[in-house]
Amino acid sequence: MSQTISETIQPTVLSPKRWTVAEYHQIISSGIITPDTPVELINGQIIEMVPQQPPHAATTDEGGDYLNALFLGKAKVCVQLPATLPPDSEPEPDFAIVKIDANLYRDRHPGPNDIYLIIEVADSTLQKDRQYKSTLYAQAGIPEYWIINLKQNQVIVYRQGQDGVYQTEHVLEASDQIKPLAFPNLIVDLKKLLILTS
């Protein structure tokens, strides 16, 4: 009994190429990806970043000013700059609160040992930030991760990473205040971080 082609040939499952941080930097150095290309390296995959809508852009801009003033002399606030999370991720979080570096990070991007806190601003990206980014940062050993949820005017706080998962998740309202784990004497006013005027 004859067989059709579809019965005899099994489809091949193709695996996408996974890039390391070093390979990603080589791609950038070659000019294939320019510094202006809106992408980031997440778990070995080069992912296109979502264009910012005005609420996201305003929160990043004004929130950055607020955080810079708040952490002045205590930590460096990196706004939409790369953070190297070996071996295969280099996201560009909206805010990374990092250690002050004597060399001003001229020879490297901040890594897990430099980062106190990462904050993402979410509108259309909320699901990705809660799932993929949360796992990414927990696995990298980032001690604290916040999501500014623009849709509900809330801040989601993740802490106590263990086995690649944050053990606690708290949802805070705009009227709340919070002390970052690394800075227990510093109070963050979430209304200012959410740039609410009333």
N, C-alpha and C. Protein backbone atom coordinates (compact mmCIF):
# COMPACT_ATOMS: atom_id res chain seq x y z
N MET A 1 0.85 -1.19 0.00
CA MET A 1 0.00 0.00 0.00
C MET A 1 0.88 1.24 0.00
N SER A 2 0.62 2.14 -0.92
CA SER A 2 1.45 3.33 -1.05
C SER A 2 1.11 4.34 0.04
N GLN A 3 2.12 5.17 0.35
CA GLN A 3 1.94 6.23 1.34
C GLN A 3 2.10 7.57 0.66
N THR A 4 1.34 8.53 1.16
CA THR A 4 1.49 9.89 0.62
C THR A 4 2.73 10.53 1.23
N ILE A 5 3.18 11.64 0.62
CA ILE A 5 4.37 12.34 1.11
C ILE A 5 4.15 12.81 2.54
N SER A 6 2.95 13.30 2.82
CA SER A 6 2.67 13.83 4.16
C SER A 6 2.74 12.74 5.23
N GLU A 7 2.54 11.48 4.80
CA GLU A 7 2.58 10.39 5.77
C GLU A 7 4.00 9.90 6.01
N THR A 8 4.88 10.09 5.03
CA THR A 8 6.22 9.53 5.16
C THR A 8 7.24 10.55 5.64
N ILE A 9 7.03 11.83 5.42
CA ILE A 9 7.99 12.85 5.80
C ILE A 9 7.47 13.59 7.03
N GLN A 10 8.21 13.48 8.08
CA GLN A 10 7.83 14.17 9.31
C GLN A 10 8.37 15.60 9.29
N PRO A 11 7.59 16.55 9.76
CA PRO A 11 8.07 17.94 9.78
C PRO A 11 9.26 18.09 10.73
N THR A 12 10.20 18.93 10.34
CA THR A 12 11.37 19.20 11.16
C THR A 12 11.08 20.38 12.07
N VAL A 13 11.39 20.22 13.33
CA VAL A 13 11.21 21.32 14.28
C VAL A 13 12.52 22.10 14.32
N LEU A 14 12.44 23.38 13.97
CA LEU A 14 13.62 24.23 13.93
C LEU A 14 13.77 24.97 15.25
N SER A 15 14.97 25.00 15.77
CA SER A 15 15.24 25.71 17.01
C SER A 15 15.84 27.07 16.68
N PRO A 16 15.29 28.14 17.25
CA PRO A 16 15.87 29.46 16.98
C PRO A 16 17.24 29.59 17.62
N LYS A 17 18.09 30.38 17.00
CA LYS A 17 19.42 30.65 17.54
C LYS A 17 19.30 31.46 18.82
N ARG A 18 19.98 31.03 19.86
CA ARG A 18 20.00 31.77 21.12
C ARG A 18 21.34 32.49 21.22
N TRP A 19 21.29 33.78 21.48
CA TRP A 19 22.48 34.61 21.50
C TRP A 19 22.96 34.82 22.93
N THR A 20 24.26 34.81 23.12
CA THR A 20 24.84 35.19 24.41
C THR A 20 25.02 36.70 24.43
N VAL A 21 25.31 37.22 25.61
CA VAL A 21 25.57 38.66 25.72
C VAL A 21 26.77 39.04 24.86
N ALA A 22 27.83 38.21 24.88
CA ALA A 22 29.02 38.51 24.09
C ALA A 22 28.70 38.55 22.59
N GLU A 23 27.90 37.60 22.12
CA GLU A 23 27.52 37.57 20.70
C GLU A 23 26.65 38.78 20.36
N TYR A 24 25.78 39.14 21.26
CA TYR A 24 24.91 40.31 21.07
C TYR A 24 25.76 41.57 20.92
N HIS A 25 26.79 41.71 21.75
CA HIS A 25 27.67 42.87 21.64
C HIS A 25 28.42 42.87 20.32
N GLN A 26 28.78 41.69 19.81
CA GLN A 26 29.45 41.60 18.52
C GLN A 26 28.52 42.06 17.40
N ILE A 27 27.25 41.69 17.50
CA ILE A 27 26.27 42.11 16.50
C ILE A 27 26.15 43.63 16.49
N ILE A 28 26.12 44.22 17.69
CA ILE A 28 26.04 45.67 17.79
C ILE A 28 27.30 46.32 17.22
N SER A 29 28.46 45.76 17.56
CA SER A 29 29.73 46.32 17.07
C SER A 29 29.84 46.24 15.56
N SER A 30 29.23 45.21 14.97
CA SER A 30 29.29 45.04 13.52
C SER A 30 28.41 46.04 12.77
N GLY A 31 27.50 46.68 13.49
CA GLY A 31 26.60 47.64 12.85
C GLY A 31 25.30 47.04 12.35
N ILE A 32 25.14 45.72 12.49
CA ILE A 32 23.87 45.10 12.08
C ILE A 32 22.73 45.64 12.92
N ILE A 33 22.98 45.78 14.22
CA ILE A 33 22.06 46.47 15.11
C ILE A 33 22.76 47.74 15.57
N THR A 34 22.10 48.87 15.44
CA THR A 34 22.70 50.13 15.88
C THR A 34 22.19 50.46 17.28
N PRO A 35 22.88 51.37 17.96
CA PRO A 35 22.41 51.77 19.29
C PRO A 35 21.00 52.35 19.28
N ASP A 36 20.55 52.81 18.13
CA ASP A 36 19.21 53.39 18.03
C ASP A 36 18.14 52.35 17.72
N THR A 37 18.54 51.11 17.45
CA THR A 37 17.57 50.06 17.15
C THR A 37 16.85 49.66 18.44
N PRO A 38 15.51 49.75 18.46
CA PRO A 38 14.78 49.47 19.71
C PRO A 38 14.62 47.98 20.00
N VAL A 39 15.71 47.36 20.44
CA VAL A 39 15.68 45.93 20.77
C VAL A 39 16.39 45.72 22.10
N GLU A 40 16.15 44.56 22.70
CA GLU A 40 16.88 44.14 23.89
C GLU A 40 17.04 42.63 23.84
N LEU A 41 18.05 42.13 24.53
CA LEU A 41 18.33 40.70 24.55
C LEU A 41 17.68 40.09 25.79
N ILE A 42 16.72 39.18 25.56
CA ILE A 42 15.99 38.54 26.66
C ILE A 42 16.09 37.03 26.49
N ASN A 43 16.73 36.37 27.44
CA ASN A 43 16.86 34.90 27.40
C ASN A 43 17.37 34.40 26.05
N GLY A 44 18.37 35.09 25.53
CA GLY A 44 19.01 34.65 24.29
C GLY A 44 18.30 35.06 23.02
N GLN A 45 17.18 35.76 23.12
CA GLN A 45 16.45 36.19 21.94
C GLN A 45 16.47 37.71 21.83
N ILE A 46 16.68 38.20 20.62
CA ILE A 46 16.68 39.64 20.38
C ILE A 46 15.23 40.07 20.14
N ILE A 47 14.71 40.83 21.08
CA ILE A 47 13.30 41.18 21.11
C ILE A 47 13.11 42.66 20.77
N GLU A 48 12.17 42.92 19.89
CA GLU A 48 11.84 44.31 19.56
C GLU A 48 11.07 44.95 20.71
N MET A 49 11.48 46.15 21.07
CA MET A 49 10.83 46.86 22.16
C MET A 49 9.59 47.59 21.66
N VAL A 50 8.58 47.68 22.52
CA VAL A 50 7.31 48.32 22.15
C VAL A 50 7.49 49.83 22.16
N PRO A 51 7.06 50.54 21.11
CA PRO A 51 7.15 52.00 21.11
C PRO A 51 6.38 52.60 22.28
N GLN A 52 6.88 53.69 22.81
CA GLN A 52 6.27 54.32 23.98
C GLN A 52 5.10 55.22 23.59
N GLN A 53 4.00 55.06 24.31
CA GLN A 53 2.89 55.99 24.21
C GLN A 53 3.17 57.17 25.15
N PRO A 54 2.49 58.29 24.98
CA PRO A 54 2.76 59.47 25.82
C PRO A 54 2.74 59.22 27.33
N PRO A 55 1.77 58.46 27.89
CA PRO A 55 1.80 58.25 29.35
C PRO A 55 3.08 57.54 29.81
N HIS A 56 3.53 56.56 29.03
CA HIS A 56 4.76 55.85 29.37
C HIS A 56 5.96 56.79 29.29
N ALA A 57 6.04 57.57 28.22
CA ALA A 57 7.16 58.49 28.04
C ALA A 57 7.18 59.54 29.15
N ALA A 58 6.03 60.08 29.50
CA ALA A 58 5.97 61.10 30.54
C ALA A 58 6.38 60.54 31.90
N THR A 59 5.93 59.31 32.20
CA THR A 59 6.27 58.69 33.48
C THR A 59 7.77 58.41 33.55
N THR A 60 8.34 57.97 32.45
CA THR A 60 9.78 57.71 32.43
C THR A 60 10.56 59.01 32.60
N ASP A 61 10.12 60.05 31.93
CA ASP A 61 10.82 61.33 31.99
C ASP A 61 10.71 61.96 33.37
N GLU A 62 9.48 62.19 33.83
CA GLU A 62 9.26 62.85 35.11
C GLU A 62 9.64 61.95 36.29
N GLY A 63 9.31 60.66 36.16
CA GLY A 63 9.70 59.72 37.22
C GLY A 63 11.20 59.63 37.37
N GLY A 64 11.91 59.72 36.26
CA GLY A 64 13.37 59.72 36.31
C GLY A 64 13.91 60.91 37.06
N ASP A 65 13.31 62.09 36.84
CA ASP A 65 13.73 63.29 37.57
C ASP A 65 13.51 63.10 39.07
N TYR A 66 12.34 62.53 39.43
CA TYR A 66 12.03 62.31 40.84
C TYR A 66 13.02 61.33 41.48
N LEU A 67 13.27 60.23 40.80
CA LEU A 67 14.19 59.23 41.35
C LEU A 67 15.62 59.75 41.43
N ASN A 68 16.04 60.51 40.45
CA ASN A 68 17.39 61.08 40.49
C ASN A 68 17.58 61.98 41.70
N ALA A 69 16.58 62.80 41.98
CA ALA A 69 16.65 63.68 43.16
C ALA A 69 16.62 62.87 44.45
N LEU A 70 15.81 61.84 44.46
CA LEU A 70 15.63 61.02 45.67
C LEU A 70 16.90 60.24 46.02
N PHE A 71 17.56 59.69 45.00
CA PHE A 71 18.73 58.84 45.23
C PHE A 71 20.06 59.59 45.10
N LEU A 72 20.01 60.90 44.98
CA LEU A 72 21.21 61.70 44.78
C LEU A 72 22.25 61.41 45.87
N GLY A 73 23.44 61.03 45.45
CA GLY A 73 24.51 60.73 46.38
C GLY A 73 24.45 59.35 47.01
N LYS A 74 23.36 58.63 46.78
CA LYS A 74 23.18 57.30 47.36
C LYS A 74 23.32 56.19 46.32
N ALA A 75 22.82 56.45 45.12
CA ALA A 75 22.84 55.45 44.04
C ALA A 75 22.72 56.17 42.71
N LYS A 76 23.03 55.46 41.65
CA LYS A 76 22.89 55.97 40.30
C LYS A 76 21.56 55.49 39.73
N VAL A 77 20.81 56.37 39.10
CA VAL A 77 19.56 56.01 38.45
C VAL A 77 19.81 55.93 36.95
N CYS A 78 19.76 54.72 36.39
CA CYS A 78 19.93 54.52 34.95
C CYS A 78 18.54 54.48 34.31
N VAL A 79 18.32 55.33 33.34
CA VAL A 79 17.02 55.43 32.68
C VAL A 79 17.10 54.84 31.28
N GLN A 80 16.41 53.72 31.07
CA GLN A 80 16.35 53.05 29.78
C GLN A 80 17.74 52.78 29.21
N LEU A 81 18.60 52.24 30.07
CA LEU A 81 19.96 51.86 29.67
C LEU A 81 20.15 50.36 29.89
N PRO A 82 21.10 49.75 29.18
CA PRO A 82 21.28 48.30 29.30
C PRO A 82 21.76 47.87 30.68
N ALA A 83 21.29 46.71 31.09
CA ALA A 83 21.78 46.00 32.26
C ALA A 83 22.19 44.61 31.80
N THR A 84 23.42 44.22 32.08
CA THR A 84 23.92 42.93 31.61
C THR A 84 23.61 41.84 32.63
N LEU A 85 22.81 40.86 32.20
CA LEU A 85 22.44 39.73 33.06
C LEU A 85 22.92 38.46 32.39
N PRO A 86 24.16 38.05 32.67
CA PRO A 86 24.74 36.87 32.01
C PRO A 86 23.89 35.62 32.28
N PRO A 87 23.94 34.65 31.34
CA PRO A 87 24.80 34.66 30.15
C PRO A 87 24.13 35.19 28.89
N ASP A 88 22.80 35.39 28.92
CA ASP A 88 22.12 35.63 27.64
C ASP A 88 21.01 36.68 27.70
N SER A 89 21.14 37.66 28.60
CA SER A 89 20.13 38.72 28.65
C SER A 89 20.78 40.08 28.86
N GLU A 90 20.27 41.05 28.15
CA GLU A 90 20.68 42.44 28.35
C GLU A 90 19.46 43.34 28.11
N PRO A 91 18.55 43.36 29.07
CA PRO A 91 17.37 44.20 28.93
C PRO A 91 17.72 45.68 29.11
N GLU A 92 16.79 46.53 28.77
CA GLU A 92 16.95 47.97 28.99
C GLU A 92 15.76 48.45 29.82
N PRO A 93 15.79 48.19 31.13
CA PRO A 93 14.65 48.56 31.97
C PRO A 93 14.45 50.06 32.00
N ASP A 94 13.22 50.46 32.31
CA ASP A 94 12.93 51.89 32.36
C ASP A 94 13.77 52.58 33.43
N PHE A 95 13.91 51.94 34.59
CA PHE A 95 14.78 52.47 35.63
C PHE A 95 15.57 51.32 36.26
N ALA A 96 16.85 51.53 36.47
CA ALA A 96 17.66 50.62 37.26
C ALA A 96 18.40 51.46 38.30
N ILE A 97 18.16 51.16 39.56
CA ILE A 97 18.85 51.85 40.64
C ILE A 97 20.09 51.02 40.95
N VAL A 98 21.27 51.59 40.70
CA VAL A 98 22.50 50.81 40.75
C VAL A 98 23.54 51.48 41.66
N LYS A 99 24.55 50.71 42.00
CA LYS A 99 25.65 51.24 42.81
C LYS A 99 26.39 52.34 42.05
N ILE A 100 26.88 53.31 42.79
CA ILE A 100 27.72 54.34 42.20
C ILE A 100 29.06 53.71 41.84
N ASP A 101 29.47 53.89 40.59
CA ASP A 101 30.69 53.27 40.08
C ASP A 101 31.76 54.34 39.87
N ALA A 102 32.95 54.10 40.42
CA ALA A 102 34.03 55.08 40.31
C ALA A 102 34.40 55.36 38.86
N ASN A 103 34.21 54.36 37.99
CA ASN A 103 34.54 54.52 36.57
C ASN A 103 33.33 54.92 35.74
N LEU A 104 32.22 55.22 36.41
CA LEU A 104 31.00 55.70 35.75
C LEU A 104 30.44 54.72 34.72
N TYR A 105 30.72 53.43 34.90
CA TYR A 105 30.26 52.37 33.98
C TYR A 105 30.71 52.63 32.54
N ARG A 106 31.91 53.20 32.40
CA ARG A 106 32.41 53.46 31.05
C ARG A 106 32.92 52.20 30.36
N ASP A 107 33.25 51.16 31.14
CA ASP A 107 33.82 49.95 30.55
C ASP A 107 32.87 48.77 30.59
N ARG A 108 31.67 48.95 31.09
CA ARG A 108 30.70 47.85 31.19
C ARG A 108 29.34 48.43 31.55
N HIS A 109 28.31 47.60 31.36
CA HIS A 109 26.99 47.95 31.85
C HIS A 109 26.83 47.40 33.26
N PRO A 110 25.94 47.98 34.07
CA PRO A 110 25.69 47.39 35.40
C PRO A 110 25.23 45.95 35.28
N GLY A 111 25.69 45.12 36.22
CA GLY A 111 25.29 43.72 36.28
C GLY A 111 24.54 43.43 37.56
N PRO A 112 24.17 42.18 37.78
CA PRO A 112 23.37 41.82 38.96
C PRO A 112 23.96 42.28 40.28
N ASN A 113 25.29 42.24 40.42
CA ASN A 113 25.91 42.66 41.68
C ASN A 113 25.88 44.16 41.89
N ASP A 114 25.55 44.91 40.83
CA ASP A 114 25.50 46.37 40.92
C ASP A 114 24.08 46.89 41.17
N ILE A 115 23.08 46.06 40.92
CA ILE A 115 21.70 46.54 40.85
C ILE A 115 20.98 46.35 42.18
N TYR A 116 20.45 47.45 42.71
CA TYR A 116 19.62 47.39 43.91
C TYR A 116 18.16 47.11 43.57
N LEU A 117 17.69 47.73 42.49
CA LEU A 117 16.26 47.74 42.19
C LEU A 117 16.06 48.00 40.70
N ILE A 118 15.13 47.27 40.10
CA ILE A 118 14.72 47.55 38.72
C ILE A 118 13.25 47.92 38.72
N ILE A 119 12.91 48.93 37.92
CA ILE A 119 11.52 49.39 37.80
C ILE A 119 11.16 49.43 36.31
N GLU A 120 10.06 48.79 35.96
CA GLU A 120 9.53 48.88 34.60
C GLU A 120 8.23 49.68 34.62
N VAL A 121 8.02 50.47 33.58
CA VAL A 121 6.76 51.21 33.39
C VAL A 121 5.91 50.41 32.42
N ALA A 122 4.68 50.09 32.80
CA ALA A 122 3.85 49.20 31.99
C ALA A 122 2.51 49.83 31.68
N ASP A 123 2.17 49.79 30.41
CA ASP A 123 0.79 50.06 29.97
C ASP A 123 0.35 48.86 29.14
N SER A 124 0.77 48.80 27.88
CA SER A 124 0.44 47.64 27.05
C SER A 124 1.34 46.45 27.35
N THR A 125 2.42 46.64 28.09
CA THR A 125 3.39 45.57 28.35
C THR A 125 3.21 44.92 29.72
N LEU A 126 2.10 45.16 30.39
CA LEU A 126 1.94 44.69 31.77
C LEU A 126 2.11 43.18 31.89
N GLN A 127 1.48 42.41 31.02
CA GLN A 127 1.56 40.96 31.11
C GLN A 127 3.00 40.48 30.93
N LYS A 128 3.71 41.04 29.96
CA LYS A 128 5.10 40.66 29.73
C LYS A 128 5.96 41.03 30.94
N ASP A 129 5.72 42.21 31.50
CA ASP A 129 6.51 42.65 32.65
C ASP A 129 6.23 41.80 33.88
N ARG A 130 5.01 41.32 34.04
CA ARG A 130 4.67 40.50 35.21
C ARG A 130 5.18 39.07 35.06
N GLN A 131 5.24 38.58 33.86
CA GLN A 131 5.62 37.18 33.66
C GLN A 131 7.10 37.06 33.29
N TYR A 132 7.44 37.46 32.07
CA TYR A 132 8.78 37.24 31.56
C TYR A 132 9.83 38.06 32.31
N LYS A 133 9.56 39.34 32.49
CA LYS A 133 10.56 40.19 33.13
C LYS A 133 10.71 39.82 34.61
N SER A 134 9.62 39.48 35.26
CA SER A 134 9.70 39.06 36.66
C SER A 134 10.60 37.84 36.81
N THR A 135 10.40 36.86 35.96
CA THR A 135 11.24 35.65 36.00
C THR A 135 12.68 35.98 35.66
N LEU A 136 12.88 36.80 34.66
CA LEU A 136 14.23 37.18 34.24
C LEU A 136 15.00 37.83 35.39
N TYR A 137 14.37 38.79 36.06
CA TYR A 137 15.07 39.52 37.12
C TYR A 137 15.26 38.65 38.36
N ALA A 138 14.29 37.81 38.65
CA ALA A 138 14.44 36.91 39.80
C ALA A 138 15.58 35.92 39.56
N GLN A 139 15.65 35.35 38.36
CA GLN A 139 16.71 34.40 38.04
C GLN A 139 18.08 35.05 38.06
N ALA A 140 18.14 36.34 37.74
CA ALA A 140 19.41 37.06 37.73
C ALA A 140 19.85 37.47 39.13
N GLY A 141 18.97 37.30 40.11
CA GLY A 141 19.31 37.65 41.48
C GLY A 141 19.08 39.11 41.82
N ILE A 142 18.24 39.79 41.05
CA ILE A 142 17.91 41.19 41.37
C ILE A 142 17.02 41.17 42.62
N PRO A 143 17.43 41.84 43.70
CA PRO A 143 16.71 41.68 44.97
C PRO A 143 15.31 42.27 44.99
N GLU A 144 15.05 43.24 44.12
CA GLU A 144 13.75 43.91 44.18
C GLU A 144 13.37 44.40 42.78
N TYR A 145 12.10 44.24 42.44
CA TYR A 145 11.60 44.60 41.11
C TYR A 145 10.21 45.21 41.26
N TRP A 146 10.03 46.41 40.68
CA TRP A 146 8.73 47.08 40.72
C TRP A 146 8.19 47.26 39.31
N ILE A 147 6.88 47.20 39.19
CA ILE A 147 6.21 47.55 37.93
C ILE A 147 5.27 48.72 38.20
N ILE A 148 5.44 49.81 37.47
CA ILE A 148 4.52 50.93 37.53
C ILE A 148 3.39 50.64 36.56
N ASN A 149 2.23 50.28 37.09
CA ASN A 149 1.07 49.90 36.28
C ASN A 149 0.25 51.16 35.99
N LEU A 150 0.43 51.69 34.78
CA LEU A 150 -0.22 52.94 34.43
C LEU A 150 -1.73 52.80 34.26
N LYS A 151 -2.19 51.62 33.92
CA LYS A 151 -3.63 51.43 33.69
C LYS A 151 -4.44 51.57 34.98
N GLN A 152 -3.89 51.05 36.07
CA GLN A 152 -4.60 51.07 37.36
C GLN A 152 -3.98 52.05 38.36
N ASN A 153 -2.96 52.81 37.94
CA ASN A 153 -2.26 53.72 38.86
C ASN A 153 -1.82 52.99 40.13
N GLN A 154 -1.14 51.87 39.90
CA GLN A 154 -0.64 51.06 41.00
C GLN A 154 0.84 50.74 40.76
N VAL A 155 1.49 50.30 41.82
CA VAL A 155 2.87 49.81 41.71
C VAL A 155 2.90 48.40 42.27
N ILE A 156 3.38 47.46 41.47
CA ILE A 156 3.49 46.06 41.88
C ILE A 156 4.93 45.83 42.33
N VAL A 157 5.07 45.31 43.54
CA VAL A 157 6.39 45.16 44.15
C VAL A 157 6.72 43.68 44.33
N TYR A 158 7.84 43.26 43.75
CA TYR A 158 8.31 41.87 43.88
C TYR A 158 9.58 41.86 44.72
N ARG A 159 9.63 40.91 45.68
CA ARG A 159 10.79 40.78 46.55
C ARG A 159 11.02 39.31 46.90
N GLN A 160 12.14 39.08 47.56
CA GLN A 160 12.49 37.76 48.08
C GLN A 160 12.59 36.72 46.96
N GLY A 161 13.52 36.95 46.06
CA GLY A 161 13.76 35.97 45.00
C GLY A 161 14.35 34.68 45.55
N GLN A 162 13.82 33.58 45.10
CA GLN A 162 14.31 32.26 45.51
C GLN A 162 14.05 31.26 44.39
N ASP A 163 15.10 30.54 44.00
CA ASP A 163 14.99 29.54 42.93
C ASP A 163 14.40 30.15 41.66
N GLY A 164 14.81 31.38 41.36
CA GLY A 164 14.38 32.03 40.13
C GLY A 164 12.97 32.58 40.14
N VAL A 165 12.37 32.69 41.32
CA VAL A 165 11.00 33.21 41.43
C VAL A 165 10.93 34.16 42.62
N TYR A 166 10.27 35.30 42.44
CA TYR A 166 10.03 36.18 43.58
C TYR A 166 8.94 35.56 44.46
N GLN A 167 9.22 35.51 45.75
CA GLN A 167 8.29 34.85 46.68
C GLN A 167 7.17 35.77 47.13
N THR A 168 7.36 37.07 47.04
CA THR A 168 6.31 38.00 47.46
C THR A 168 5.95 38.96 46.34
N GLU A 169 4.68 39.25 46.25
CA GLU A 169 4.16 40.23 45.29
C GLU A 169 3.12 41.08 46.03
N HIS A 170 3.35 42.39 46.06
CA HIS A 170 2.42 43.30 46.72
C HIS A 170 1.98 44.36 45.73
N VAL A 171 0.70 44.66 45.73
CA VAL A 171 0.16 45.71 44.87
C VAL A 171 -0.12 46.92 45.75
N LEU A 172 0.53 48.03 45.44
CA LEU A 172 0.40 49.26 46.20
C LEU A 172 -0.35 50.31 45.39
N GLU A 173 -1.10 51.15 46.10
CA GLU A 173 -1.87 52.20 45.46
C GLU A 173 -1.06 53.50 45.39
N ALA A 174 -1.55 54.43 44.60
CA ALA A 174 -0.84 55.70 44.41
C ALA A 174 -0.67 56.47 45.72
N SER A 175 -1.56 56.28 46.65
CA SER A 175 -1.49 56.99 47.92
C SER A 175 -0.47 56.39 48.88
N ASP A 176 0.11 55.24 48.53
CA ASP A 176 1.05 54.56 49.41
C ASP A 176 2.46 55.11 49.28
N GLN A 177 3.27 54.74 50.25
CA GLN A 177 4.70 55.01 50.22
C GLN A 177 5.43 53.70 50.44
N ILE A 178 6.70 53.64 49.99
CA ILE A 178 7.46 52.41 50.14
C ILE A 178 8.92 52.74 50.38
N LYS A 179 9.59 51.90 51.15
CA LYS A 179 11.03 52.02 51.39
C LYS A 179 11.74 50.91 50.61
N PRO A 180 12.63 51.26 49.69
CA PRO A 180 13.38 50.22 48.98
C PRO A 180 14.18 49.37 49.96
N LEU A 181 14.32 48.09 49.66
CA LEU A 181 15.03 47.18 50.55
C LEU A 181 16.45 47.67 50.87
N ALA A 182 17.14 48.17 49.88
CA ALA A 182 18.53 48.58 50.08
C ALA A 182 18.66 49.94 50.75
N PHE A 183 17.55 50.66 50.86
CA PHE A 183 17.58 52.01 51.42
C PHE A 183 16.41 52.17 52.40
N PRO A 184 16.50 51.53 53.56
CA PRO A 184 15.37 51.53 54.50
C PRO A 184 15.04 52.90 55.10
N ASN A 185 15.94 53.87 54.95
CA ASN A 185 15.67 55.21 55.46
C ASN A 185 15.14 56.16 54.39
N LEU A 186 14.92 55.64 53.20
CA LEU A 186 14.47 56.46 52.08
C LEU A 186 13.02 56.11 51.75
N ILE A 187 12.17 57.10 51.64
CA ILE A 187 10.74 56.88 51.38
C ILE A 187 10.40 57.31 49.96
N VAL A 188 9.84 56.40 49.19
CA VAL A 188 9.39 56.70 47.82
C VAL A 188 7.89 56.97 47.85
N ASP A 189 7.51 58.14 47.43
CA ASP A 189 6.11 58.55 47.35
C ASP A 189 5.57 58.08 45.99
N LEU A 190 4.70 57.09 46.00
CA LEU A 190 4.26 56.50 44.74
C LEU A 190 3.44 57.45 43.89
N LYS A 191 2.78 58.40 44.52
CA LYS A 191 2.03 59.40 43.75
C LYS A 191 2.98 60.19 42.85
N LYS A 192 4.17 60.50 43.37
CA LYS A 192 5.15 61.22 42.56
C LYS A 192 5.75 60.32 41.49
N LEU A 193 5.93 59.05 41.82
CA LEU A 193 6.47 58.13 40.83
C LEU A 193 5.47 57.90 39.69
N LEU A 194 4.20 57.91 40.03
CA LEU A 194 3.14 57.77 39.02
C LEU A 194 2.80 59.09 38.35
N ILE A 195 3.48 60.14 38.77
CA ILE A 195 3.29 61.53 38.32
C ILE A 195 1.82 61.95 38.29
N LEU A 196 1.11 61.62 39.37
CA LEU A 196 -0.27 62.05 39.50
C LEU A 196 -0.29 63.44 40.12
N THR A 197 -1.10 64.31 39.58
CA THR A 197 -1.13 65.70 40.04
C THR A 197 -2.28 66.00 40.99
N SER A 198 -3.17 65.02 41.18
CA SER A 198 -4.30 65.30 42.09
C SER A 198 -4.62 64.05 42.89
